[in-house]
C-alpha atoms as a PDB file:
ATOM      1  CA  MET A   1     -32.685   7.690  -5.968  1.00  0.00           C
ATOM      2  CA  ALA A   2     -31.186   9.973  -8.614  1.00  0.00           C
ATOM      3  CA  ILE A   3     -27.877  11.599  -7.766  1.00  0.00           C
ATOM      4  CA  GLU A   4     -28.002  15.337  -8.489  1.00  0.00           C
ATOM      5  CA  VAL A   5     -25.150  17.845  -8.699  1.00  0.00           C
ATOM      6  CA  GLY A   6     -25.018  19.928  -5.519  1.00  0.00           C
ATOM      7  CA  ALA A   7     -26.594  17.280  -3.293  1.00  0.00           C
ATOM      8  CA  LYS A   8     -24.904  16.596   0.054  1.00  0.00           C
ATOM      9  CA  LEU A   9     -24.917  12.947   1.030  1.00  0.00           C
ATOM     10  CA  GLU A  10     -23.274  10.547   3.454  1.00  0.00           C
ATOM     11  CA  GLY A  11     -21.256   7.650   2.178  1.00  0.00           C
ATOM     12  CA  LYS A  12     -18.820   4.965   3.176  1.00  0.00           C
ATOM     13  CA  VAL A  13     -15.220   4.863   1.924  1.00  0.00           C
ATOM     14  CA  THR A  14     -14.835   1.591   0.019  1.00  0.00           C
ATOM     15  CA  GLY A  15     -11.465   2.065  -1.648  1.00  0.00           C
ATOM     16  CA  ILE A  16      -8.378   4.255  -1.462  1.00  0.00           C
ATOM     17  CA  THR A  17      -5.954   4.959  -4.319  1.00  0.00           C
ATOM     18  CA  HIS A  18      -3.050   7.358  -4.770  1.00  0.00           C
ATOM     19  CA  PHE A  19      -5.358   9.784  -6.629  1.00  0.00           C
ATOM     20  CA  GLY A  20      -8.400   9.725  -4.336  1.00  0.00           C
ATOM     21  CA  ALA A  21     -10.989   7.622  -2.564  1.00  0.00           C
ATOM     22  CA  PHE A  22     -14.075   5.731  -3.720  1.00  0.00           C
ATOM     23  CA  VAL A  23     -17.215   6.354  -1.690  1.00  0.00           C
ATOM     24  CA  ASP A  24     -20.333   4.131  -1.738  1.00  0.00           C
ATOM     25  CA  LEU A  25     -23.334   6.458  -1.587  1.00  0.00           C
ATOM     26  CA  SER A  26     -26.374   4.179  -1.525  1.00  0.00           C
ATOM     27  CA  GLY A  27     -27.782   1.296  -3.492  1.00  0.00           C
ATOM     28  CA  GLY A  28     -24.424   0.324  -4.939  1.00  0.00           C
ATOM     29  CA  VAL A  29     -23.760   3.776  -6.438  1.00  0.00           C
ATOM     30  CA  THR A  30     -20.084   4.718  -6.065  1.00  0.00           C
ATOM     31  CA  GLY A  31     -18.373   8.038  -6.633  1.00  0.00           C
ATOM     32  CA  LEU A  32     -14.796   9.275  -6.535  1.00  0.00           C
ATOM     33  CA  VAL A  33     -13.412  11.949  -4.227  1.00  0.00           C
ATOM     34  CA  HIS A  34     -10.316  13.236  -6.010  1.00  0.00           C
ATOM     35  CA  ILE A  35      -7.265  13.896  -3.798  1.00  0.00           C
ATOM     36  CA  SER A  36      -7.660  17.644  -4.409  1.00  0.00           C
ATOM     37  CA  GLU A  37     -11.199  17.546  -2.979  1.00  0.00           C
ATOM     38  CA  ILE A  38     -10.404  15.756   0.298  1.00  0.00           C
ATOM     39  CA  ALA A  39      -9.226  18.669   2.443  1.00  0.00           C
ATOM     40  CA  ASP A  40      -8.627  22.410   2.287  1.00  0.00           C
ATOM     41  CA  ASN A  41      -4.904  21.941   2.848  1.00  0.00           C
ATOM     42  CA  TYR A  42      -2.387  20.018   0.727  1.00  0.00           C
ATOM     43  CA  VAL A  43      -2.981  16.255   0.770  1.00  0.00           C
ATOM     44  CA  LYS A  44       0.180  14.262   0.090  1.00  0.00           C
ATOM     45  CA  ASP A  45      -1.284  10.858   0.901  1.00  0.00           C
ATOM     46  CA  VAL A  46      -5.003  10.034   0.961  1.00  0.00           C
ATOM     47  CA  LYS A  47      -4.404   7.489   3.734  1.00  0.00           C
ATOM     48  CA  ASP A  48      -3.384  10.329   6.074  1.00  0.00           C
ATOM     49  CA  HIS A  49      -6.964  11.671   5.912  1.00  0.00           C
ATOM     50  CA  LEU A  50      -9.219   8.684   5.188  1.00  0.00           C
ATOM     51  CA  LYS A  51      -9.380   4.967   5.780  1.00  0.00           C
ATOM     52  CA  ILE A  52     -11.638   2.241   4.461  1.00  0.00           C
ATOM     53  CA  ASP A  53     -15.096   2.027   6.120  1.00  0.00           C
ATOM     54  CA  ASP A  54     -14.998   5.702   7.232  1.00  0.00           C
ATOM     55  CA  ILE A  55     -18.381   7.424   6.992  1.00  0.00           C
ATOM     56  CA  VAL A  56     -17.957  10.775   5.230  1.00  0.00           C
ATOM     57  CA  LYS A  57     -20.210  13.637   4.206  1.00  0.00           C
ATOM     58  CA  VAL A  58     -19.732  14.456   0.505  1.00  0.00           C
ATOM     59  CA  LYS A  59     -21.116  16.885  -2.027  1.00  0.00           C
ATOM     60  CA  VAL A  60     -21.809  15.789  -5.602  1.00  0.00           C
ATOM     61  CA  ILE A  61     -19.827  18.122  -7.842  1.00  0.00           C
ATOM     62  CA  ASN A  62     -20.399  16.443 -11.216  1.00  0.00           C
ATOM     63  CA  VAL A  63     -22.079  13.496 -12.882  1.00  0.00           C
ATOM     64  CA  ASP A  64     -20.701  12.422 -16.275  1.00  0.00           C
ATOM     65  CA  LYS A  65     -22.870  10.981 -19.027  1.00  0.00           C
ATOM     66  CA  ASP A  66     -21.108   7.637 -18.635  1.00  0.00           C
ATOM     67  CA  GLY A  67     -22.205   7.478 -14.973  1.00  0.00           C
ATOM     68  CA  LYS A  68     -19.021   8.611 -13.219  1.00  0.00           C
ATOM     69  CA  ILE A  69     -19.765  10.664 -10.122  1.00  0.00           C
ATOM     70  CA  GLY A  70     -17.347  13.307  -8.849  1.00  0.00           C
ATOM     71  CA  LEU A  71     -17.524  14.019  -5.130  1.00  0.00           C
ATOM     72  CA  SER A  72     -15.969  16.534  -2.741  1.00  0.00           C
ATOM     73  CA  ILE A  73     -15.469  16.306   1.007  1.00  0.00           C
ATOM     74  CA  LYS A  74     -14.117  19.828   1.413  1.00  0.00           C
ATOM     75  CA  GLN A  75     -17.116  21.399  -0.377  1.00  0.00           C
ATOM     76  CA  ALA A  76     -19.520  19.430   1.822  1.00  0.00           C
ATOM     77  CA  ILE A  77     -18.336  21.247   4.956  1.00  0.00           C
ATOM     78  CA  ASP A  78     -20.944  23.744   6.123  1.00  0.00           C
ATOM     79  CA  ARG A  79     -19.317  27.135   6.661  1.00  0.00           C
ATOM     80  CA  PRO A  80     -20.984  30.304   7.933  1.00  0.00           C
ATOM     81  CA  GLU A  81     -22.160  32.706   5.231  1.00  0.00           C
ATOM     82  CA  GLY A  82     -19.331  34.704   3.667  1.00  0.00           C
ATOM     83  CA  GLN A  83     -16.577  32.559   5.177  1.00  0.00           C
ATOM     84  CA  GLY A  84     -14.448  30.802   2.593  1.00  0.00           C
ATOM     85  CA  PRO A  85     -11.965  28.031   3.113  1.00  0.00           C
ATOM     86  CA  PRO A  86      -9.108  28.710   5.528  1.00  0.00           C
ATOM     87  CA  PRO A  87      -6.189  30.570   3.919  1.00  0.00           C
ATOM     88  CA  GLN A  88      -3.499  28.426   2.320  1.00  0.00           C
ATOM     89  CA  ARG A  89      -0.216  28.636   4.156  1.00  0.00           C
ATOM     90  CA  GLU A  90       2.720  29.415   1.924  1.00  0.00           C
ATOM     91  CA  ARG A  91       4.810  26.382   1.099  1.00  0.00           C
ATOM     92  CA  SER A  92       8.437  26.627   2.012  1.00  0.00           C
ATOM     93  CA  GLY A  93      11.115  24.754   0.096  1.00  0.00           C
ATOM     94  CA  GLY A  94      11.274  22.388   3.086  1.00  0.00           C
ATOM     95  CA  SER A  95      12.018  18.810   2.192  1.00  0.00           C
ATOM     96  CA  GLY A  96      10.324  18.854  -1.215  1.00  0.00           C
ATOM     97  CA  GLY A  97      11.916  19.814  -4.479  1.00  0.00           C
ATOM     98  CA  PHE A  98      15.712  19.823  -4.742  1.00  0.00           C
ATOM     99  CA  GLY A  99      16.586  18.333  -1.376  1.00  0.00           C
ATOM    100  CA  GLY A 100      16.930  20.059   1.965  1.00  0.00           C
ATOM    101  CA  GLY A 101      16.995  23.447   3.425  1.00  0.00           C
ATOM    102  CA  GLY A 102      14.732  26.320   2.603  1.00  0.00           C
ATOM    103  CA  ASP A 103      14.640  28.403  -0.537  1.00  0.00           C
ATOM    104  CA  ARG A 104      15.870  26.467  -3.539  1.00  0.00           C
ATOM    105  CA  PHE A 105      17.775  29.484  -4.877  1.00  0.00           C
ATOM    106  CA  ASN A 106      19.471  30.439  -1.623  1.00  0.00           C
ATOM    107  CA  ARG A 107      21.238  27.452  -0.119  1.00  0.00           C
ATOM    108  CA  GLY A 108      23.189  29.027   2.685  1.00  0.00           C
ATOM    109  CA  GLY A 109      25.413  31.039   0.361  1.00  0.00           C
ATOM    110  CA  GLN A 110      25.866  28.337  -2.296  1.00  0.00           C
ATOM    111  CA  ASP A 111      24.532  27.991  -5.815  1.00  0.00           C
ATOM    112  CA  ARG A 112      23.162  24.729  -7.252  1.00  0.00           C
ATOM    113  CA  GLY A 113      26.649  23.406  -7.941  1.00  0.00           C
ATOM    114  CA  GLY A 114      27.684  23.896  -4.312  1.00  0.00           C
ATOM    115  CA  ARG A 115      29.918  26.858  -5.176  1.00  0.00           C
ATOM    116  CA  PRO A 116      29.732  29.927  -2.915  1.00  0.00           C
ATOM    117  CA  PHE A 117      28.243  33.071  -4.425  1.00  0.00           C
ATOM    118  CA  ASN A 118      28.375  36.723  -3.509  1.00  0.00           C
ATOM    119  CA  LYS A 119      25.031  37.844  -2.095  1.00  0.00           C
ATOM    120  CA  GLN A 120      25.841  41.530  -2.677  1.00  0.00           C
ATOM    121  CA  SER A 121      26.597  41.190  -6.400  1.00  0.00           C
ATOM    122  CA  SER A 122      24.446  44.044  -7.725  1.00  0.00           C
ATOM    123  CA  GLY A 123      25.603  46.715  -5.281  1.00  0.00           C
ATOM    124  CA  ARG A 124      22.352  46.747  -3.320  1.00  0.00           C
ATOM    125  CA  PRO A 125      21.543  44.727  -0.203  1.00  0.00           C
ATOM    126  CA  SER A 126      19.763  41.461  -0.928  1.00  0.00           C
ATOM    127  CA  TYR A 127      18.458  40.818   2.616  1.00  0.00           C
ATOM    128  CA  GLY A 128      19.199  37.102   2.381  1.00  0.00           C
ATOM    129  CA  LYS A 129      17.366  36.557  -0.898  1.00  0.00           C
ATOM    130  CA  PRO A 130      18.927  37.239  -4.300  1.00  0.00           C
ATOM    131  CA  SER A 131      16.902  39.406  -6.672  1.00  0.00           C
ATOM    132  CA  PHE A 132      15.533  38.153  -9.966  1.00  0.00           C
ATOM    133  CA  GLU A 133      18.302  39.931 -11.867  1.00  0.00           C
ATOM    134  CA  ASP A 134      20.937  38.252  -9.675  1.00  0.00           C
ATOM    135  CA  LYS A 135      19.368  34.872 -10.306  1.00  0.00           C
ATOM    136  CA  MET A 136      19.192  35.456 -14.064  1.00  0.00           C
ATOM    137  CA  SER A 137      22.784  36.671 -14.360  1.00  0.00           C
ATOM    138  CA  ARG A 138      24.007  33.700 -12.309  1.00  0.00           C
ATOM    139  CA  PHE A 139      21.960  31.318 -14.459  1.00  0.00           C
ATOM    140  CA  LEU A 140      23.331  32.807 -17.702  1.00  0.00           C
ATOM    141  CA  LYS A 141      26.909  32.642 -16.436  1.00  0.00           C
ATOM    142  CA  ASP A 142      26.533  29.015 -15.307  1.00  0.00           C
ATOM    143  CA  SER A 143      24.845  27.935 -18.522  1.00  0.00           C
ATOM    144  CA  GLU A 144      27.540  29.610 -20.681  1.00  0.00           C
ATOM    145  CA  GLU A 145      30.234  27.836 -18.654  1.00  0.00           C
ATOM    146  CA  ARG A 146      28.495  24.488 -19.059  1.00  0.00           C
ATOM    147  CA  ILE A 147      27.998  24.943 -22.816  1.00  0.00           C
ATOM    148  CA  SER A 148      31.644  25.920 -23.351  1.00  0.00           C
ATOM    149  CA  SER A 149      32.871  22.903 -21.367  1.00  0.00           C
ATOM    150  CA  LEU A 150      30.568  20.609 -23.371  1.00  0.00           C
ATOM    151  CA  LYS A 151      31.894  22.048 -26.634  1.00  0.00           C
ATOM    152  CA  LYS A 152      35.503  21.558 -25.494  1.00  0.00           C
ATOM    153  CA  ASN A 153      34.805  17.952 -24.582  1.00  0.00           C
ATOM    154  CA  THR A 154      33.003  17.071 -27.817  1.00  0.00           C
ATOM    155  CA  GLU A 155      35.199  18.855 -30.394  1.00  0.00           C
ATOM    156  CA  GLY A 156      38.121  16.470 -30.038  1.00  0.00           C
ATOM    157  CA  LYS A 157      35.988  13.355 -30.263  1.00  0.00           C
ATOM    158  CA  ARG A 158      34.901  11.578 -33.397  1.00  0.00           C
ATOM    159  CA  GLY A 159      31.747  13.095 -34.855  1.00  0.00           C
ATOM    160  CA  GLY A 160      32.325  16.445 -33.185  1.00  0.00           C
ATOM    161  CA  ARG A 161      32.474  19.682 -35.123  1.00  0.00           C
ATOM    162  CA  GLY A 162      35.706  21.140 -36.357  1.00  0.00           C
ATOM    163  CA  ALA A 163      38.738  18.949 -36.818  1.00  0.00           C
ATOM    164  CA  LYS A 164      38.415  16.354 -39.577  1.00  0.00           C
ATOM    165  CA  ARG A 165      40.534  13.268 -39.353  1.00  0.00           C
ATOM    166  CA  VAL A 166      42.298  12.064 -42.439  1.00  0.00           C
END
């Protein structure tokens, strides 16, 4: 049986990796369901959604000339006409990224160095979230401070600019 793009088939999960799952279609033909094609929502770990020997319905999304078959579980789901995938929920800073608690730019009144900052710096209310201009001015100030401290620390050392030793 020839595998055609767009065909919906049933297969058995034969292997799971960090980037997807291998599905045996029929007659020893195996395809890969990439992690991004497993579910409509964000998939952090394939093992949370699939396990070996699961029977899944897949749609063939591509067949390469070298025989590799790309599959999708989320595109194989039959939805009523005109209904797309469910809306993506907005990701909060949560536990990903730079550690704990919420927005990575607004850490309970502290900047990235743990120093408190003034939320009302531009004269207008920020409503708990600093504006882009506030973020940029804070970034420029911090980076200038860091560069000046680096220059101070390297000038006195051998190989630094400025003072030559005789």
